[in-house]
């Protein structure tokens, strides 16, 4: 069983309780305007170009078999439509200016990395978190990894937006100890405007999750000028009131880390430079949940 993995982050402390290993899978069925991991969106391999590292040795031009990299008016051009993702340019770039985004890995290969930090998991109540993108687009791979780690006594968390069929979720849930559920906003029209998809299926699945026998945490990216309103947070709190296995809501202020990543992928940076809410504003929004008896964590 193989999956397309774009990062494995050990000693992570932001993706669930304790010290964790977070495995990031490529591919997403949302396209959030503020996405801080744009390399996770496309389900296929991609090439990143770190222009600031390039020494213009032109080795990449020499080895590219399709002519996708060439000089024009003294500037390096990457014709991504010609690239076949062979990786020769990245293999021959001594400065690391060119790199393939992801790596195809076997489930056992991922597990062999995860188990290296078993002692840290035990001492901090940590474990494995599988994230994305949307990891459930690689449902069989997620299931294969989580089956192996659960047998080893590792706590499994799944970071997901839930924009998939409930049958897909049901197949994976028995091997998951904790769901990290991303809820962007409650208004359907705004959700489609900023993520390209409606939130109808997401909220329908969340309703079913509230009745399932698994703990979950709701994570809300707080985007200035978009969802940072009392109206949105009050509506979310009302939606979550009848959720006995909800641990808490985590409010995550917007940051700008994704902008440079868009440039490395050769995409037009359509990402609006959204505002980062102030600490005072985050505290105000947290009260919407506290008033409804819901615990809140903030960065």
Protein backbone atom coordinates (compact mmCIF):
# COMPACT_ATOMS: atom_id res chain seq x y z
CA UNK A 1 0.00 0.00 0.00
CA UNK A 2 1.52 3.31 -1.13
CA UNK A 3 0.64 6.95 -0.57
CA UNK A 4 1.91 10.32 -1.78
CA UNK A 5 3.54 12.05 1.20
CA UNK A 6 4.85 15.62 1.05
CA UNK A 7 6.22 15.94 4.57
CA UNK A 8 6.77 14.01 7.79
CA UNK A 9 7.25 16.29 10.77
CA UNK A 10 8.62 14.69 13.91
CA UNK A 11 8.36 16.28 17.36
CA UNK A 12 5.26 18.22 16.33
CA UNK A 13 3.34 19.91 19.15
CA UNK A 14 0.59 21.63 17.17
CA UNK A 15 -1.38 18.76 15.66
CA UNK A 16 -3.05 17.15 18.64
CA UNK A 17 -2.06 16.36 22.23
CA UNK A 18 1.50 15.68 23.31
CA UNK A 19 4.53 15.21 21.08
CA UNK A 20 3.48 13.79 17.74
CA UNK A 21 4.71 12.75 14.33
CA UNK A 22 2.58 14.44 11.67
CA UNK A 23 2.39 12.79 8.25
CA UNK A 24 1.20 15.19 5.55
CA UNK A 25 -0.46 13.59 2.52
CA UNK A 26 -0.79 15.29 -0.85
CA UNK A 27 -4.15 16.18 -2.39
CA UNK A 28 -7.08 18.27 -1.18
CA UNK A 29 -10.72 18.72 -2.22
CA UNK A 30 -10.79 22.31 -0.97
CA UNK A 31 -8.83 25.26 -2.30
CA UNK A 32 -8.87 27.77 0.55
CA UNK A 33 -7.83 31.27 -0.48
CA UNK A 34 -5.60 31.51 2.61
CA UNK A 35 -4.06 28.02 2.34
CA UNK A 36 -0.67 27.88 4.08
CA UNK A 37 0.20 24.52 2.48
CA UNK A 38 -0.55 25.10 -1.23
CA UNK A 39 1.79 22.23 -2.12
CA UNK A 40 -0.83 19.94 -0.59
CA UNK A 41 -3.69 20.88 -2.91
CA UNK A 42 -2.84 19.09 -6.16
CA UNK A 43 -3.12 15.29 -5.98
CA UNK A 44 -0.18 14.84 -8.36
CA UNK A 45 3.56 15.39 -8.01
CA UNK A 46 4.81 18.98 -8.40
CA UNK A 47 8.13 20.80 -8.77
CA UNK A 48 9.19 23.60 -6.43
CA UNK A 49 11.70 26.29 -7.41
CA UNK A 50 13.51 28.19 -4.64
CA UNK A 51 14.79 31.08 -6.75
CA UNK A 52 16.82 32.60 -3.92
CA UNK A 53 18.97 29.43 -3.77
CA UNK A 54 19.74 29.28 -7.49
CA UNK A 55 23.36 29.98 -8.52
CA UNK A 56 22.54 29.80 -12.26
CA UNK A 57 24.87 26.88 -12.86
CA UNK A 58 22.40 25.75 -15.55
CA UNK A 59 22.89 22.07 -14.80
CA UNK A 60 19.10 21.74 -14.69
CA UNK A 61 18.86 23.13 -18.24
CA UNK A 62 21.40 20.58 -19.44
CA UNK A 63 19.74 17.50 -17.91
CA UNK A 64 16.06 18.29 -18.52
CA UNK A 65 14.88 15.73 -21.13
CA UNK A 66 11.80 17.70 -22.23
CA UNK A 67 13.26 21.21 -22.52
CA UNK A 68 10.99 22.42 -19.73
CA UNK A 69 13.80 24.54 -18.21
CA UNK A 70 15.52 27.14 -20.39
CA UNK A 71 16.94 30.66 -20.43
CA UNK A 72 15.02 33.61 -21.85
CA UNK A 73 16.55 37.08 -21.79
CA UNK A 74 19.00 35.88 -19.17
CA UNK A 75 16.26 34.60 -16.88
CA UNK A 76 15.51 30.99 -16.01
CA UNK A 77 12.09 29.86 -17.22
CA UNK A 78 10.29 26.70 -16.07
CA UNK A 79 7.62 25.64 -18.58
CA UNK A 80 5.65 23.48 -16.19
CA UNK A 81 3.33 22.21 -18.92
CA UNK A 82 6.37 20.45 -20.48
CA UNK A 83 7.65 18.97 -17.21
CA UNK A 84 7.21 15.19 -16.83
CA UNK A 85 8.25 15.18 -13.14
CA UNK A 86 11.23 12.93 -13.79
CA UNK A 87 13.16 14.73 -11.04
CA UNK A 88 16.47 14.90 -12.91
CA UNK A 89 16.72 18.65 -12.40
CA UNK A 90 16.23 18.27 -8.65
CA UNK A 91 18.71 15.38 -8.47
CA UNK A 92 21.36 17.50 -10.20
CA UNK A 93 20.77 20.75 -8.31
CA UNK A 94 23.54 21.06 -5.75
CA UNK A 95 21.98 24.15 -4.14
CA UNK A 96 18.55 22.59 -3.56
CA UNK A 97 16.86 25.25 -5.68
CA UNK A 98 14.71 22.61 -7.38
CA UNK A 99 12.86 19.92 -5.49
CA UNK A 100 9.95 17.59 -6.03
CA UNK A 101 7.16 18.28 -3.55
CA UNK A 102 6.24 14.73 -2.57
CA UNK A 103 7.48 11.19 -2.27
CA UNK A 104 5.60 7.96 -2.84
CA UNK A 105 5.95 5.89 0.32
CA UNK A 106 4.76 2.50 1.50
CA UNK A 107 2.65 2.25 4.63
CA UNK A 108 5.33 0.20 6.40
CA UNK A 109 7.94 2.82 5.48
CA UNK A 110 5.88 5.56 7.15
CA UNK A 111 5.26 3.41 10.23
CA UNK A 112 9.00 2.72 10.54
CA UNK A 113 9.53 6.48 10.94
CA UNK A 114 6.61 6.95 13.32
CA UNK A 115 7.78 4.26 15.75
CA UNK A 116 11.15 5.94 16.27
CA UNK A 117 9.57 8.29 18.81
CA UNK A 118 7.47 5.82 20.79
CA UNK A 119 9.02 6.91 24.09
CA UNK A 120 8.03 10.53 23.48
CA UNK A 121 4.45 9.51 22.72
CA UNK A 122 4.21 7.50 25.94
CA UNK A 123 5.68 10.26 28.10
CA UNK A 124 3.53 13.07 26.66
CA UNK A 125 0.34 11.26 25.62
CA UNK A 126 1.26 12.01 22.02
CA UNK A 127 1.18 9.88 18.88
CA UNK A 128 0.62 9.97 15.15
CA UNK A 129 -1.36 12.64 13.28
CA UNK A 130 -2.23 12.13 9.62
CA UNK A 131 -2.89 15.43 7.88
CA UNK A 132 -2.91 16.96 4.42
CA UNK A 133 -4.29 18.34 2.23
CA UNK A 134 -7.21 16.08 2.79
CA UNK A 135 -5.81 12.72 3.94
CA UNK A 136 -9.10 10.90 3.30
CA UNK A 137 -8.52 11.28 -0.44
CA UNK A 138 -5.93 8.55 0.21
CA UNK A 139 -8.29 6.58 2.42
CA UNK A 140 -6.78 3.14 1.87
CA UNK A 141 -3.30 4.39 2.69
CA UNK A 142 -4.52 6.17 5.84
CA UNK A 143 -6.28 3.00 6.94
CA UNK A 144 -3.20 0.86 6.28
CA UNK A 145 -0.94 3.14 8.34
CA UNK A 146 -3.41 3.56 11.21
CA UNK A 147 -4.12 -0.16 11.44
CA UNK A 148 -0.41 -0.81 11.92
CA UNK A 149 0.17 1.98 14.44
CA UNK A 150 -2.94 1.17 16.48
CA UNK A 151 -1.77 -2.42 16.92
CA UNK A 152 1.48 -0.96 18.30
CA UNK A 153 -0.46 1.08 20.86
CA UNK A 154 0.14 4.45 19.17
CA UNK A 155 -2.54 7.13 19.53
CA UNK A 156 -3.87 8.02 16.05
CA UNK A 157 -5.26 11.44 15.16
CA UNK A 158 -6.81 12.38 11.81
CA UNK A 159 -6.75 16.01 10.63
CA UNK A 160 -9.54 16.41 8.07
CA UNK A 161 -12.04 18.85 6.53
CA UNK A 162 -14.60 16.01 6.13
CA UNK A 163 -15.49 16.95 2.54
CA UNK A 164 -15.78 13.29 1.49
CA UNK A 165 -18.47 10.64 1.57
CA UNK A 166 -19.44 9.46 5.06
CA UNK A 167 -18.76 5.88 3.94
CA UNK A 168 -15.10 6.83 3.48
CA UNK A 169 -14.97 8.31 6.97
CA UNK A 170 -16.70 5.27 8.48
CA UNK A 171 -14.09 2.96 7.02
CA UNK A 172 -11.22 4.82 8.71
CA UNK A 173 -12.79 5.87 12.05
CA UNK A 174 -12.34 2.48 13.81
CA UNK A 175 -8.57 2.99 13.60
CA UNK A 176 -8.64 6.63 14.78
CA UNK A 177 -8.57 7.81 18.40
CA UNK A 178 -9.06 11.51 17.76
CA UNK A 179 -10.43 13.60 14.88
CA UNK A 180 -9.12 17.12 14.27
CA UNK A 181 -12.02 18.59 12.33
CA UNK A 182 -11.46 21.78 10.35
CA UNK A 183 -14.55 23.99 10.20
CA UNK A 184 -13.91 27.19 8.28
CA UNK A 185 -17.26 28.97 8.54
CA UNK A 186 -20.97 28.27 8.82
CA UNK A 187 -22.29 30.39 5.96
CA UNK A 188 -22.58 28.16 2.87
CA UNK A 189 -22.20 30.94 0.27
CA UNK A 190 -19.12 32.40 1.94
CA UNK A 191 -17.63 28.93 2.35
CA UNK A 192 -17.92 28.31 -1.38
CA UNK A 193 -16.55 31.76 -2.20
CA UNK A 194 -13.37 31.26 -0.18
CA UNK A 195 -12.78 27.49 -0.44
CA UNK A 196 -14.41 26.69 -3.84
CA UNK A 197 -16.81 24.15 -2.29
CA UNK A 198 -19.99 24.28 -0.24
CA UNK A 199 -19.93 23.29 3.42
CA UNK A 200 -23.12 21.22 3.14
CA UNK A 201 -21.40 17.82 3.12
CA UNK A 202 -18.85 18.92 5.74
CA UNK A 203 -21.54 19.91 8.23
CA UNK A 204 -23.64 16.82 7.47
CA UNK A 205 -20.63 14.63 8.26
CA UNK A 206 -19.91 16.69 11.38
CA UNK A 207 -23.46 15.97 12.58
CA UNK A 208 -22.75 12.26 12.26
CA UNK A 209 -19.39 12.64 13.98
CA UNK A 210 -21.13 14.20 16.99
CA UNK A 211 -22.97 10.90 17.46
CA UNK A 212 -19.94 8.67 16.80
CA UNK A 213 -17.86 7.03 19.52
CA UNK A 214 -14.70 9.05 18.91
CA UNK A 215 -13.29 12.18 20.53
CA UNK A 216 -12.78 15.23 18.34
CA UNK A 217 -11.38 18.75 18.36
CA UNK A 218 -12.73 21.47 16.07
CA UNK A 219 -10.07 23.72 14.56
CA UNK A 220 -11.07 27.08 13.08
CA UNK A 221 -8.61 29.17 11.06
CA UNK A 222 -9.50 32.75 11.98
CA UNK A 223 -9.13 34.91 8.88
CA UNK A 224 -9.34 38.66 9.26
CA UNK A 225 -12.15 40.12 7.16
CA UNK A 226 -13.65 36.71 6.39
CA UNK A 227 -14.84 34.59 9.31
CA UNK A 228 -13.67 36.63 12.30
CA UNK A 229 -17.16 37.71 13.30
CA UNK A 230 -19.29 37.04 16.36
CA UNK A 231 -22.06 35.93 14.03
CA UNK A 232 -19.94 33.14 12.57
CA UNK A 233 -18.47 32.04 15.89
CA UNK A 234 -21.86 32.08 17.65
CA UNK A 235 -23.33 29.97 14.83
CA UNK A 236 -20.44 27.50 15.14
CA UNK A 237 -20.85 27.31 18.92
CA UNK A 238 -24.57 26.65 18.53
CA UNK A 239 -23.82 23.88 16.02
CA UNK A 240 -21.40 22.23 18.45
CA UNK A 241 -23.47 22.45 21.63
CA UNK A 242 -24.84 18.90 21.44
CA UNK A 243 -21.47 17.20 20.96
CA UNK A 244 -20.58 15.20 24.10
CA UNK A 245 -17.22 14.01 22.72
CA UNK A 246 -16.00 17.43 21.63
CA UNK A 247 -12.85 18.15 23.65
CA UNK A 248 -12.49 21.81 22.74
CA UNK A 249 -12.42 24.33 19.90
CA UNK A 250 -9.03 25.57 18.73
CA UNK A 251 -8.85 29.06 17.21
CA UNK A 252 -5.91 29.47 14.82
CA UNK A 253 -5.04 33.02 13.65
CA UNK A 254 -4.20 33.43 9.98
CA UNK A 255 -0.54 33.65 9.00
CA UNK A 256 1.19 34.45 5.70
CA UNK A 257 3.44 31.38 5.35
CA UNK A 258 1.62 30.15 2.24
CA UNK A 259 2.36 33.15 0.01
CA UNK A 260 6.00 32.25 -0.76
CA UNK A 261 5.00 28.62 -1.34
CA UNK A 262 2.65 29.68 -4.15
CA UNK A 263 5.59 31.41 -5.84
CA UNK A 264 7.77 28.29 -5.57
CA UNK A 265 5.10 26.26 -7.37
CA UNK A 266 4.89 28.76 -10.23
CA UNK A 267 1.33 29.70 -9.48
CA UNK A 268 -0.17 33.14 -9.72
CA UNK A 269 -0.52 34.22 -6.13
CA UNK A 270 -4.27 34.66 -6.02
CA UNK A 271 -4.10 34.46 -2.25
CA UNK A 272 -5.39 37.71 -0.88
CA UNK A 273 -3.22 39.13 1.86
CA UNK A 274 -5.75 38.57 4.59
CA UNK A 275 -5.39 40.23 7.96
CA UNK A 276 -4.12 38.40 11.03
CA UNK A 277 -6.56 38.99 13.91
CA UNK A 278 -5.13 40.70 16.97
CA UNK A 279 -4.76 38.83 20.25
CA UNK A 280 -7.52 41.00 21.68
CA UNK A 281 -9.85 40.05 18.84
CA UNK A 282 -9.08 36.37 19.30
CA UNK A 283 -10.00 36.64 22.99
CA UNK A 284 -13.28 38.36 22.07
CA UNK A 285 -14.15 35.59 19.61
CA UNK A 286 -13.29 32.90 22.12
CA UNK A 287 -16.05 34.22 24.37
CA UNK A 288 -18.64 33.07 21.82
CA UNK A 289 -17.74 29.48 22.71
CA UNK A 290 -17.10 29.98 26.41
CA UNK A 291 -20.58 31.50 26.83
CA UNK A 292 -21.97 28.30 25.32
CA UNK A 293 -20.04 26.03 27.67
CA UNK A 294 -17.38 25.03 25.09
CA UNK A 295 -13.69 25.02 25.98
CA UNK A 296 -11.37 27.04 23.77
CA UNK A 297 -7.65 26.77 23.03
CA UNK A 298 -5.75 29.51 21.16
CA UNK A 299 -2.25 29.80 19.71
